[in-house]
Amino acid sequence: MKSCITGKKAFITYELAEEALLEAHRRYQYGRTSGPVAVYHCEDCGNYHLTSQGVMNEKLARYLAEGKGKRDQEAYHWTEKMKKKGR
């Protein structure tokens, strides 16, 4: 992952940024109306960033509509909890 002069995390391809978008929703307890919702191309660095503004990314919308977001959040939560317990 690269960085941008804007200070934002930069992804070299749209696909990597889109996967990071889904991962962010797995990791954090975002609701449907919070957190990053889309990917955009940055004119400053030429890479891609996540944004909480604009129209929701289609892949993210499908992911949330199918209920995978909540399921994956729960799985992530328990995985992290077990990692801490095993230390």
Protein backbone atom coordinates (compact mmCIF):
# COMPACT_ATOMS: atom_id res chain seq x y z
CA MET A 1 0.00 0.00 0.00
CA LYS A 2 1.30 3.43 -0.92
CA SER A 3 0.59 6.81 0.57
CA CYS A 4 -0.57 10.01 -1.07
CA ILE A 5 0.35 13.65 -0.57
CA THR A 6 -3.15 14.02 0.84
CA GLY A 7 -2.18 11.65 3.68
CA LYS A 8 -4.74 9.05 2.60
CA LYS A 9 -3.96 5.38 2.05
CA ALA A 10 -3.43 4.78 -1.64
CA PHE A 11 -4.10 1.59 -3.58
CA ILE A 12 -2.45 1.02 -6.96
CA THR A 13 -5.50 -0.64 -8.54
CA TYR A 14 -9.25 -0.19 -8.28
CA GLU A 15 -9.58 -3.87 -7.36
CA LEU A 16 -7.19 -3.56 -4.40
CA ALA A 17 -9.05 -0.50 -3.16
CA GLU A 18 -12.38 -2.29 -3.54
CA GLU A 19 -11.11 -5.25 -1.52
CA ALA A 20 -9.86 -2.83 1.17
CA LEU A 21 -13.34 -1.29 1.21
CA LEU A 22 -14.90 -4.68 1.94
CA GLU A 23 -12.20 -5.47 4.50
CA ALA A 24 -12.90 -2.21 6.32
CA HIS A 25 -16.53 -3.26 6.68
CA ARG A 26 -15.47 -6.69 7.96
CA ARG A 27 -13.12 -5.20 10.53
CA TYR A 28 -15.05 -2.28 11.90
CA GLN A 29 -18.61 -2.00 13.10
CA TYR A 30 -19.81 0.37 10.37
CA GLY A 31 -23.52 0.68 9.85
CA ARG A 32 -25.08 1.06 6.40
CA THR A 33 -24.72 4.82 6.63
CA SER A 34 -21.22 5.16 8.09
CA GLY A 35 -17.66 4.39 7.10
CA PRO A 36 -16.23 4.27 3.61
CA VAL A 37 -18.74 3.49 0.87
CA ALA A 38 -16.88 3.94 -2.40
CA VAL A 39 -13.55 4.03 -4.24
CA TYR A 40 -12.28 6.95 -6.30
CA HIS A 41 -9.31 7.75 -8.51
CA CYS A 42 -7.02 10.45 -7.08
CA GLU A 43 -5.75 13.11 -9.44
CA ASP A 44 -2.91 13.99 -7.03
CA CYS A 45 -1.20 10.59 -6.88
CA GLY A 46 -2.87 8.59 -9.67
CA ASN A 47 -3.92 5.83 -7.28
CA TYR A 48 -7.24 4.95 -5.63
CA HIS A 49 -8.67 5.91 -2.24
CA LEU A 50 -11.69 5.03 -0.13
CA THR A 51 -14.34 7.65 0.53
CA SER A 52 -17.38 7.96 2.76
CA GLN A 53 -19.10 10.21 0.23
CA GLY A 54 -21.05 9.50 -2.93
CA VAL A 55 -22.90 6.49 -4.23
CA MET A 56 -22.20 3.17 -2.53
CA ASN A 57 -19.94 0.78 -4.42
CA GLU A 58 -22.01 -1.97 -6.08
CA LYS A 59 -19.90 -4.79 -4.66
CA LEU A 60 -20.22 -3.35 -1.15
CA ALA A 61 -23.97 -2.86 -1.55
CA ARG A 62 -24.40 -6.52 -2.60
CA TYR A 63 -22.16 -7.67 0.25
CA LEU A 64 -24.25 -5.79 2.82
CA ALA A 65 -27.61 -6.70 1.25
CA GLU A 66 -26.75 -10.40 1.35
CA GLY A 67 -26.01 -10.12 5.09
CA LYS A 68 -22.37 -11.03 4.66
CA GLY A 69 -21.22 -7.87 6.41
CA LYS A 70 -22.72 -8.78 9.79
CA ARG A 71 -21.62 -12.41 9.51
CA ASP A 72 -18.04 -11.46 8.62
CA GLN A 73 -17.92 -8.79 11.35
CA GLU A 74 -18.89 -11.41 13.91
CA ALA A 75 -16.29 -13.87 12.59
CA TYR A 76 -13.60 -11.18 12.65
CA HIS A 77 -14.56 -10.18 16.21
CA TRP A 78 -14.27 -13.75 17.51
CA THR A 79 -11.04 -14.43 15.62
CA GLU A 80 -9.44 -11.36 17.18
CA LYS A 81 -10.78 -12.29 20.62
CA MET A 82 -9.30 -15.80 20.36
CA LYS A 83 -5.95 -14.40 19.21
CA LYS A 84 -5.79 -12.20 22.32
CA LYS A 85 -6.81 -15.07 24.58
CA GLY A 86 -4.06 -17.29 23.13
CA ARG A 87 -1.27 -14.85 23.99
